[in-house]
Amino acid sequence: MNTIDWHDFERVELRVGTIHSARPNVKAIKPAYVLEVDLGELGLKTSSAQLTAHYSCDELLGRQVLCVCNFAAKRIAGVRSEVLVTGVYDAENRVVLAGFDKPLPNGARLA
C-alpha cells in the first residue's frame, strides 16, 4: 500500500451532502442515476453514480452522503458530474454508499 502524508489527505475536500433529486441516467452504458446533491454553501452539485443495485431513486431522496468536491468536473454519459459520491463495493461488486448515523449540516467537511 502506498502511504500519503497528512498534507495529501487535507487536500481532498470530503463533504457531507443531502441528495435533493435522483433520476435514471438514460445515456449510461451501466445503469446509473443522475443525482443533485445539496452541499450547503457549495450549492447543488450534480453527480452520475452507479447505485442502482441497492437503491431506488425514492430511497436516495433525503439521504446524506459523503462527496469528494474538489475533483475537476467530468462528463459521464452526457452528465456534467461535479462531485464524486463515495461508497464501497460489496461482495457482489455493487456500490454501498458511505453514510452517517447522525444528521449533519450540508457542506460539513470530513474531519
Protein backbone atom coordinates (compact mmCIF):
# COMPACT_ATOMS: atom_id res chain seq x y z
CA MET A 1 0.00 0.00 0.00
CA ASN A 2 1.28 3.46 -0.85
CA THR A 3 1.26 5.87 2.05
CA ILE A 4 0.42 9.56 1.93
CA ASP A 5 1.17 12.28 4.41
CA TRP A 6 -1.37 14.43 6.26
CA HIS A 7 -0.96 17.28 3.78
CA ASP A 8 -2.08 14.99 0.93
CA PHE A 9 -5.20 13.98 2.86
CA GLU A 10 -6.06 17.59 3.70
CA ARG A 11 -6.15 18.44 0.00
CA VAL A 12 -9.17 16.16 -0.56
CA GLU A 13 -12.45 18.07 0.02
CA LEU A 14 -14.71 15.42 1.55
CA ARG A 15 -18.04 16.99 2.45
CA VAL A 16 -21.50 15.93 3.58
CA GLY A 17 -24.38 16.49 1.21
CA THR A 18 -28.05 15.55 1.05
CA ILE A 19 -29.47 14.01 -2.11
CA HIS A 20 -32.03 16.50 -3.40
CA SER A 21 -33.09 14.62 -6.55
CA ALA A 22 -32.35 11.34 -8.30
CA ARG A 23 -33.32 10.10 -11.75
CA PRO A 24 -32.09 7.35 -14.07
CA ASN A 25 -29.19 8.31 -16.33
CA VAL A 26 -30.67 7.02 -19.59
CA LYS A 27 -27.41 7.61 -21.51
CA ALA A 28 -25.27 5.48 -19.18
CA ILE A 29 -23.93 2.18 -20.50
CA LYS A 30 -24.02 0.68 -16.99
CA PRO A 31 -27.18 1.52 -15.01
CA ALA A 32 -26.69 4.77 -13.09
CA TYR A 33 -28.54 7.69 -11.57
CA VAL A 34 -28.13 11.43 -12.04
CA LEU A 35 -28.07 12.93 -8.55
CA GLU A 36 -28.38 16.51 -7.37
CA VAL A 37 -26.65 16.84 -4.02
CA ASP A 38 -27.14 19.80 -1.68
CA LEU A 39 -23.69 20.69 -0.32
CA GLY A 40 -24.73 23.71 1.73
CA GLU A 41 -22.51 26.72 0.98
CA LEU A 42 -21.20 24.96 -2.16
CA GLY A 43 -24.74 24.75 -3.56
CA LEU A 44 -26.41 21.98 -5.55
CA LYS A 45 -23.94 19.77 -7.40
CA THR A 46 -24.59 17.05 -9.96
CA SER A 47 -23.17 13.53 -9.93
CA SER A 48 -23.64 10.42 -12.04
CA ALA A 49 -23.47 7.36 -9.79
CA GLN A 50 -23.83 3.61 -10.33
CA LEU A 51 -26.08 2.94 -7.34
CA THR A 52 -28.98 1.11 -8.97
CA ALA A 53 -28.23 -2.33 -7.49
CA HIS A 54 -29.03 -1.34 -3.90
CA TYR A 55 -31.05 1.88 -4.16
CA SER A 56 -34.13 3.19 -5.94
CA CYS A 57 -34.46 6.89 -6.77
CA ASP A 58 -37.03 7.28 -3.99
CA GLU A 59 -34.74 5.63 -1.42
CA LEU A 60 -31.96 8.09 -2.25
CA LEU A 61 -34.00 11.26 -1.70
CA GLY A 62 -33.02 12.95 1.56
CA ARG A 63 -30.11 10.57 2.18
CA GLN A 64 -26.88 12.13 3.41
CA VAL A 65 -23.74 11.09 1.55
CA LEU A 66 -20.02 11.84 1.61
CA CYS A 67 -18.75 13.55 -1.55
CA VAL A 68 -15.36 14.40 -2.99
CA CYS A 69 -15.91 18.01 -4.01
CA ASN A 70 -12.60 19.11 -5.49
CA PHE A 71 -12.20 16.81 -8.48
CA ALA A 72 -12.45 18.62 -11.80
CA ALA A 73 -15.93 18.25 -13.33
CA LYS A 74 -16.13 15.32 -15.73
CA ARG A 75 -18.67 14.45 -18.43
CA ILE A 76 -20.10 10.98 -17.73
CA ALA A 77 -22.76 9.55 -20.05
CA GLY A 78 -23.98 13.01 -21.04
CA VAL A 79 -23.93 14.41 -17.50
CA ARG A 80 -21.53 17.03 -16.15
CA SER A 81 -20.55 15.25 -12.94
CA GLU A 82 -19.28 17.84 -10.44
CA VAL A 83 -18.78 15.68 -7.34
CA LEU A 84 -17.97 12.06 -6.59
CA VAL A 85 -20.44 10.37 -4.25
CA THR A 86 -18.45 7.86 -2.21
CA GLY A 87 -19.19 4.24 -1.47
CA VAL A 88 -17.65 0.81 -1.17
CA TYR A 89 -18.13 -2.29 -3.33
CA ASP A 90 -19.85 -5.21 -1.61
CA ALA A 91 -19.02 -8.90 -2.22
CA GLU A 92 -21.06 -8.84 -5.48
CA ASN A 93 -19.25 -5.69 -6.75
CA ARG A 94 -22.27 -3.41 -6.12
CA VAL A 95 -21.81 0.02 -4.56
CA VAL A 96 -22.95 0.62 -0.97
CA LEU A 97 -22.99 4.32 -0.10
CA ALA A 98 -20.76 5.77 2.61
CA GLY A 99 -23.03 7.45 5.13
CA PHE A 100 -23.56 8.74 8.64
CA ASP A 101 -25.51 7.59 11.67
CA LYS A 102 -26.46 11.13 12.81
CA PRO A 103 -27.80 14.11 10.79
CA LEU A 104 -25.11 16.60 9.75
CA PRO A 105 -25.19 20.06 8.19
CA ASN A 106 -24.84 20.07 4.41
CA GLY A 107 -21.33 21.10 3.43
CA ALA A 108 -19.72 19.87 6.67
CA ARG A 109 -16.16 18.77 5.95
CA LEU A 110 -14.79 15.39 7.00
CA ALA A 111 -12.52 15.93 9.98
